[in-house]
Protein backbone atom coordinates (compact mmCIF):
# COMPACT_ATOMS: atom_id res chain seq x y z
CA MET A 1 20.83 -24.84 -0.56
CA LEU A 2 19.63 -21.27 -0.88
CA ALA A 3 22.22 -19.17 0.88
CA ASN A 4 22.03 -21.06 4.16
CA THR A 5 18.35 -20.12 4.35
CA CYS A 6 16.68 -22.94 2.46
CA ALA A 7 17.88 -26.23 3.86
CA LEU A 8 15.81 -29.29 3.08
CA LEU A 9 13.22 -29.33 5.81
CA PRO A 10 9.67 -30.66 6.07
CA SER A 11 6.86 -28.20 5.57
CA GLN A 12 6.29 -25.90 8.52
CA ALA A 13 3.32 -24.02 7.06
CA GLN A 14 -0.18 -24.24 8.50
CA ALA A 15 -3.23 -25.09 6.43
CA SER A 16 -5.18 -21.84 6.52
CA THR A 17 -3.31 -18.99 8.16
CA THR A 18 0.42 -18.86 8.79
CA THR A 19 2.49 -16.05 10.25
CA GLY A 20 6.20 -15.54 9.67
CA LYS A 21 8.95 -12.99 10.11
CA SER A 22 12.22 -12.12 8.49
CA ASP A 23 15.32 -13.25 10.36
CA MET A 24 16.83 -9.73 10.00
CA LYS A 25 15.31 -6.61 11.52
CA PRO A 26 13.87 -4.59 8.63
CA ILE A 27 15.06 -1.07 7.91
CA LYS A 28 12.65 1.40 6.33
CA ALA A 29 13.63 4.25 4.05
CA LYS A 30 12.00 7.65 4.30
CA ARG A 31 8.94 8.06 2.11
CA LEU A 32 9.46 9.85 -1.18
CA ARG A 33 7.91 13.30 -1.51
CA ALA A 34 7.33 15.73 -4.34
CA GLY A 35 10.54 17.59 -5.00
CA ASN A 36 12.77 14.70 -3.90
CA THR A 37 15.62 13.59 -6.14
CA LEU A 38 15.61 10.13 -7.69
CA GLY A 39 18.89 8.70 -8.92
CA LEU A 40 18.61 6.71 -12.16
CA VAL A 41 20.82 3.64 -12.57
CA ALA A 42 21.22 0.96 -15.23
CA PRO A 43 22.38 -2.17 -13.37
CA SER A 44 21.63 -4.56 -16.23
CA HIS A 45 21.06 -3.99 -19.94
CA ALA A 46 22.34 -0.98 -21.83
CA ILE A 47 19.90 1.37 -23.54
CA HIS A 48 21.07 2.13 -27.06
CA GLU A 49 18.87 5.08 -28.04
CA ARG A 50 18.50 8.55 -26.50
CA MET A 51 14.71 8.59 -26.40
CA PRO A 52 14.20 6.15 -23.48
CA PHE A 53 16.41 8.32 -21.25
CA ASP A 54 14.29 11.35 -22.13
CA ILE A 55 11.04 9.46 -21.54
CA ALA A 56 12.17 8.21 -18.11
CA THR A 57 13.31 11.67 -17.03
CA ASP A 58 10.20 13.43 -18.33
CA THR A 59 7.93 10.86 -16.67
CA LEU A 60 9.56 11.10 -13.25
CA GLN A 61 9.61 14.89 -13.43
CA ALA A 62 5.92 14.89 -14.32
CA MET A 63 5.37 12.81 -11.17
CA GLY A 64 7.01 15.57 -9.14
CA PHE A 65 10.58 14.29 -8.77
CA ARG A 66 13.95 15.69 -9.67
CA VAL A 67 16.22 13.29 -11.54
CA LYS A 68 19.94 12.67 -11.25
CA GLU A 69 21.62 10.26 -13.65
CA GLY A 70 24.19 7.82 -12.37
CA ALA A 71 27.64 8.60 -13.72
CA HIS A 72 27.61 5.53 -15.98
CA LEU A 73 23.90 5.42 -16.80
CA ARG A 74 24.58 5.71 -20.55
CA ALA A 75 27.68 3.50 -20.62
CA ARG A 76 27.85 0.36 -22.75
CA ARG A 77 29.94 -2.79 -22.62
CA GLY A 78 28.50 -5.55 -24.74
CA HIS A 79 24.83 -5.80 -23.85
CA HIS A 80 25.45 -4.39 -20.37
CA ALA A 81 25.27 -0.75 -19.31
CA GLY A 82 29.00 -0.55 -18.66
CA SER A 83 31.37 -2.84 -16.79
CA ASP A 84 30.38 -4.63 -13.60
CA GLN A 85 32.47 -2.14 -11.65
CA GLN A 86 30.79 0.87 -13.29
CA ARG A 87 27.27 -0.40 -12.72
CA ALA A 88 27.95 -1.22 -9.07
CA ALA A 89 29.77 2.08 -8.54
CA ASP A 90 26.71 4.05 -9.62
CA ILE A 91 24.53 2.33 -7.03
CA ASN A 92 27.10 2.76 -4.26
CA ALA A 93 27.65 6.42 -5.16
CA LEU A 94 23.95 7.29 -5.18
CA PHE A 95 23.38 5.60 -1.81
CA ALA A 96 26.28 7.67 -0.46
CA ASP A 97 25.01 10.93 -2.00
CA PRO A 98 23.01 12.91 0.61
CA ALA A 99 21.35 14.91 -2.18
CA VAL A 100 19.69 11.75 -3.56
CA ASP A 101 16.51 10.56 -1.83
CA GLY A 102 15.88 7.36 -3.76
CA ILE A 103 17.25 5.19 -6.55
CA LEU A 104 15.32 3.69 -9.46
CA ALA A 105 16.54 1.32 -12.16
CA ILE A 106 15.83 2.67 -15.62
CA THR A 107 15.33 -0.82 -17.07
CA GLY A 108 16.06 -4.51 -16.49
CA GLY A 109 17.46 -7.06 -18.93
CA SER A 110 20.28 -9.21 -17.59
CA GLY A 111 23.53 -8.81 -15.71
CA ALA A 112 22.45 -7.60 -12.26
CA ASN A 113 23.62 -10.87 -10.67
CA ARG A 114 27.18 -10.04 -11.67
CA ILE A 115 27.37 -6.93 -9.52
CA LEU A 116 25.97 -8.36 -6.28
CA PRO A 117 29.44 -8.99 -4.76
CA LEU A 118 30.50 -5.43 -5.67
CA LEU A 119 27.83 -3.55 -3.74
CA ASP A 120 28.80 -1.87 -0.47
CA TYR A 121 26.13 -3.33 1.80
CA GLU A 122 27.47 -1.60 4.91
CA LEU A 123 27.20 1.75 3.12
CA ILE A 124 23.67 0.93 1.97
CA GLN A 125 22.62 -0.09 5.48
CA LYS A 126 23.93 3.19 6.91
CA ASN A 127 22.21 5.28 4.22
CA PRO A 128 18.76 3.72 3.75
CA LYS A 129 16.72 5.13 0.90
CA PHE A 130 14.15 3.96 -1.63
CA PHE A 131 15.52 1.45 -4.15
CA GLY A 132 13.27 -0.01 -6.83
CA GLY A 133 12.89 -1.79 -10.14
CA PHE A 134 11.71 -5.14 -11.45
CA SER A 135 12.58 -7.95 -13.89
CA ASP A 136 16.38 -8.44 -13.70
CA ILE A 137 16.44 -5.95 -10.81
CA THR A 138 14.92 -8.81 -8.78
CA ALA A 139 18.52 -9.76 -7.99
CA LEU A 140 19.26 -6.38 -6.41
CA ILE A 141 16.06 -5.80 -4.46
CA ASN A 142 16.29 -9.23 -2.85
CA ALA A 143 20.05 -9.13 -2.22
CA ILE A 144 19.93 -5.66 -0.65
CA TYR A 145 17.13 -6.72 1.66
CA ALA A 146 18.91 -9.99 2.53
CA ARG A 147 22.24 -8.31 3.30
CA THR A 148 21.04 -5.11 4.98
CA GLY A 149 17.41 -5.50 6.06
CA LEU A 150 16.44 -2.48 3.94
CA ILE A 151 12.93 -2.84 2.54
CA THR A 152 13.24 -2.46 -1.23
CA PHE A 153 10.58 -2.26 -3.92
CA HIS A 154 9.48 -4.40 -6.85
CA ALA A 155 8.31 -1.34 -8.75
CA PRO A 156 7.99 -0.05 -12.32
CA ALA A 157 11.31 0.85 -13.93
CA GLY A 158 12.15 4.30 -15.25
CA VAL A 159 11.11 3.41 -18.80
CA SER A 160 7.96 1.56 -17.71
CA GLU A 161 4.52 2.84 -18.65
CA TRP A 162 3.58 4.81 -15.56
CA ASN A 163 -0.17 4.75 -16.16
CA LEU A 164 -2.62 6.00 -13.53
CA PHE A 165 -3.03 2.60 -11.90
CA SER A 166 0.73 2.05 -11.57
CA GLN A 167 1.20 5.60 -10.28
CA GLN A 168 -1.51 5.12 -7.67
CA GLN A 169 0.05 1.88 -6.45
CA PHE A 170 3.50 3.48 -6.23
CA ARG A 171 2.23 6.63 -4.55
CA SER A 172 0.20 4.73 -1.94
CA VAL A 173 3.08 2.47 -0.92
CA VAL A 174 6.17 4.67 -1.36
CA GLN A 175 4.91 8.25 -0.92
CA GLU A 176 1.80 8.14 1.26
CA ALA A 177 3.11 5.28 3.44
CA LEU A 178 -0.27 3.60 3.64
CA PRO A 179 -0.92 0.08 4.95
CA TRP A 180 -2.13 -0.52 1.41
CA THR A 181 -4.25 -3.36 0.06
CA MET A 182 -3.26 -4.36 -3.47
CA ARG A 183 -6.21 -5.33 -5.67
CA ASN A 184 -6.15 -5.98 -9.38
CA PRO A 185 -7.55 -3.27 -11.66
CA LYS A 186 -11.13 -3.71 -12.74
CA ASP A 187 -11.77 -4.99 -16.23
CA THR A 188 -13.36 -2.08 -18.07
CA ALA A 189 -14.29 -4.04 -21.18
CA ASP A 190 -18.00 -4.18 -22.04
CA LEU A 191 -18.23 -7.93 -21.50
CA PRO A 192 -20.55 -10.11 -19.37
CA ALA A 193 -17.58 -11.57 -17.47
CA PRO A 194 -14.10 -10.14 -16.84
CA ARG A 195 -11.24 -11.52 -18.92
CA GLU A 196 -8.27 -9.49 -17.80
CA PHE A 197 -6.79 -9.60 -14.30
CA ARG A 198 -8.75 -12.69 -13.32
CA ILE A 199 -7.81 -14.28 -10.00
CA GLN A 200 -7.44 -18.05 -9.86
CA THR A 201 -7.34 -19.57 -6.39
CA LEU A 202 -5.17 -22.68 -6.28
CA ARG A 203 -5.21 -23.05 -2.50
CA PRO A 204 -7.69 -20.96 -0.48
CA GLY A 205 -6.95 -19.25 2.80
CA ARG A 206 -5.04 -16.36 4.29
CA ALA A 207 -1.37 -16.16 5.23
CA ARG A 208 0.96 -13.63 6.79
CA GLY A 209 4.68 -13.23 6.30
CA HIS A 210 7.41 -11.03 4.86
CA LEU A 211 7.25 -10.46 1.11
CA ILE A 212 10.05 -11.75 -1.12
CA GLY A 213 10.23 -12.53 -4.81
CA GLY A 214 10.10 -11.10 -8.30
CA ASN A 215 11.24 -12.60 -11.57
CA LEU A 216 11.34 -16.40 -11.32
CA ALA A 217 14.27 -16.86 -13.70
CA VAL A 218 16.39 -14.45 -11.68
CA LEU A 219 15.38 -15.92 -8.32
CA SER A 220 16.23 -19.45 -9.40
CA SER A 221 19.56 -18.27 -10.82
CA MET A 222 20.49 -16.95 -7.36
CA ALA A 223 20.01 -20.31 -5.62
CA GLY A 224 22.98 -21.09 -3.40
CA SER A 225 24.54 -17.67 -3.95
CA GLY A 226 24.26 -16.25 -0.46
CA PHE A 227 22.25 -13.28 -1.71
CA LEU A 228 18.67 -14.51 -1.27
CA PRO A 229 16.57 -13.57 1.76
CA SER A 230 15.02 -16.13 4.06
CA PHE A 231 12.15 -18.17 2.64
CA GLU A 232 11.12 -19.17 6.15
CA ALA A 233 7.38 -18.44 6.48
CA ALA A 234 7.63 -15.84 3.71
CA ILE A 235 5.07 -14.77 1.13
CA LEU A 236 6.73 -15.52 -2.21
CA PHE A 237 5.55 -13.71 -5.34
CA ILE A 238 6.78 -14.72 -8.81
CA GLU A 239 6.41 -13.55 -12.41
CA ASP A 240 8.18 -14.06 -15.73
CA THR A 241 8.09 -13.35 -19.44
CA ASN A 242 9.34 -14.89 -22.69
CA GLU A 243 10.21 -18.22 -21.11
CA TYR A 244 9.40 -21.65 -22.46
CA ILE A 245 7.09 -23.50 -20.09
CA TYR A 246 9.58 -26.33 -19.60
CA ARG A 247 12.01 -23.72 -18.29
CA VAL A 248 9.40 -22.41 -15.85
CA ASP A 249 9.07 -25.98 -14.63
CA ARG A 250 12.85 -26.26 -14.24
CA MET A 251 13.05 -23.00 -12.28
CA LEU A 252 10.34 -24.10 -9.86
CA SER A 253 12.07 -27.46 -9.46
CA THR A 254 15.23 -25.60 -8.40
CA LEU A 255 13.30 -23.88 -5.61
CA MET A 256 11.56 -27.14 -4.71
CA LEU A 257 14.78 -29.16 -4.49
CA SER A 258 16.37 -26.48 -2.32
CA GLY A 259 13.54 -26.85 0.18
CA ALA A 260 12.41 -23.27 -0.37
CA LEU A 261 8.84 -24.15 -1.34
CA ASP A 262 8.44 -26.23 1.81
CA ARG A 263 9.16 -23.28 4.07
CA LEU A 264 6.80 -20.65 2.70
CA ALA A 265 3.66 -19.19 4.27
CA GLY A 266 2.00 -18.48 0.92
CA VAL A 267 2.53 -17.84 -2.79
CA VAL A 268 1.31 -15.15 -5.18
CA ILE A 269 1.72 -15.90 -8.89
CA GLY A 270 1.78 -12.84 -11.09
CA ALA A 271 1.78 -12.54 -14.87
CA PHE A 272 3.69 -15.09 -16.96
CA THR A 273 3.50 -13.31 -20.28
CA GLN A 274 4.44 -14.90 -23.60
CA CYS A 275 5.40 -18.18 -21.93
CA THR A 276 4.79 -20.99 -24.42
CA PRO A 277 5.80 -24.65 -24.79
CA GLY A 278 9.28 -25.05 -26.26
CA GLU A 279 9.71 -26.81 -29.58
CA GLY A 280 9.99 -30.53 -28.98
CA PHE A 281 8.63 -30.32 -25.44
CA GLY A 282 5.02 -31.35 -26.07
CA ARG A 283 2.10 -29.20 -25.01
CA SER A 284 2.78 -28.51 -21.36
CA THR A 285 0.66 -25.70 -19.92
CA LEU A 286 1.26 -23.24 -17.14
CA ASP A 287 -1.87 -24.63 -15.47
CA GLU A 288 -0.25 -28.06 -15.27
CA VAL A 289 3.08 -26.75 -14.02
CA PHE A 290 1.61 -24.54 -11.29
CA ASP A 291 -0.82 -27.28 -10.25
CA ASP A 292 2.05 -29.77 -9.93
CA TYR A 293 4.04 -27.53 -7.62
CA PHE A 294 1.36 -25.82 -5.58
CA LEU A 295 -1.89 -27.81 -5.34
CA LYS A 296 -0.27 -30.22 -2.88
CA ARG A 297 0.89 -27.42 -0.59
CA SER A 298 -0.82 -26.63 2.69
CA TYR A 299 -0.52 -22.85 2.34
CA PRO A 300 -2.62 -20.36 0.33
CA VAL A 301 -1.75 -19.83 -3.34
CA PHE A 302 -3.37 -17.67 -6.00
CA ARG A 303 -2.65 -16.67 -9.59
CA GLY A 304 -3.28 -13.55 -11.62
CA ALA A 305 -1.88 -10.73 -9.46
CA ALA A 306 -0.95 -7.51 -11.27
CA ILE A 307 2.77 -8.19 -10.96
CA GLY A 308 5.19 -8.61 -13.84
CA HIS A 309 5.82 -7.51 -17.40
CA ILE A 310 2.40 -5.94 -17.83
CA ARG A 311 1.15 -2.38 -18.27
CA GLN A 312 -0.63 -1.99 -14.93
CA LYS A 313 1.37 -3.25 -11.98
CA PHE A 314 1.64 -3.19 -8.21
CA THR A 315 4.56 -1.77 -6.24
CA VAL A 316 5.47 -4.60 -3.87
CA PRO A 317 7.83 -3.95 -0.92
CA ILE A 318 10.43 -6.67 -0.41
CA GLY A 319 10.72 -7.45 3.30
CA ALA A 320 7.46 -5.83 4.39
CA GLN A 321 4.97 -7.80 6.45
CA ALA A 322 1.79 -8.58 4.53
CA GLU A 323 -1.29 -10.75 4.52
CA ILE A 324 -2.59 -12.44 1.40
CA ASP A 325 -6.13 -13.66 0.83
CA ALA A 326 -6.02 -16.31 -1.87
CA SER A 327 -9.78 -16.32 -2.36
CA GLU A 328 -10.02 -12.55 -2.83
CA GLY A 329 -6.68 -12.25 -4.63
CA THR A 330 -5.38 -9.45 -2.42
CA ILE A 331 -2.09 -8.49 -0.78
CA ARG A 332 -2.56 -6.34 2.32
CA LEU A 333 0.40 -4.57 3.87
CA LEU A 334 0.23 -4.90 7.64
CA GLU A 335 2.23 -1.72 8.19
CA PRO A 336 3.68 1.11 6.09
CA ALA A 337 6.73 0.08 4.06
CA VAL A 338 8.44 3.48 4.50
CA LEU A 339 8.81 6.01 7.29
């Protein structure tokens, strides 16, 4: 089971358009504004050189924010950015700090799962503010939403490449509070047909529901933990990188066996970068794996969204109500994700 939310049940989705809601009333943070202070945390991997800290700070300042480092941002313990207690303490402290308007993970990696039991969810619920990141931070953005109802954000990390497209997506969702429609960037190459950011429709149609998801490896590792949000009539988005294809298959089978895939309203598949067949595992393809799990579903599914370990990426609010159009390859927020 997935945290008492994904019991084995028959499919409840409708063929073309399905509407769902989260089982916890969502809480919205205040929108970020120029001059606000962002707290930087490192909930997962340590950063071993000084330059990435400087790049993250300079980038966020250039975007109009002040930056405050978590007390243990530069700590190291093995491959983690400090002990579990230190990494959790930084998040708790920045949520409690009235001078901090939002919190952003500087990078991902691994280890965020370990601190989920150490977060003060009551404190977070009483002090709602922007919290974002991606990759391993999938654990935190989903757990915080599941335990508090706070809408969190699958967003670029501090050290990400904040190009103009990524900035526009972030600004529209987190700062301007627009009911934004996410569309892939246009392919600017001088070619007769686009090659980048192509949308592949596996199951056509439109669907509505609350957004959940992120990195597939992290999501599947949380199965049964009590820290995943409800999959009931949700829009699930997934992405991954540097995984053998047989492992992608195994991760999806974990969600399938839990009953999670039966309960969704729709699926958005982002970028699966550098995912190749493992040695000794034949020539399985991502096409085959995704077809096996999703072609038989009754809800809309599309591939190719600008989500994942790629240069240009969406900012996707976890817990926000949205509508997907699998033929157009769009994600439309039905209401602002922040106040």
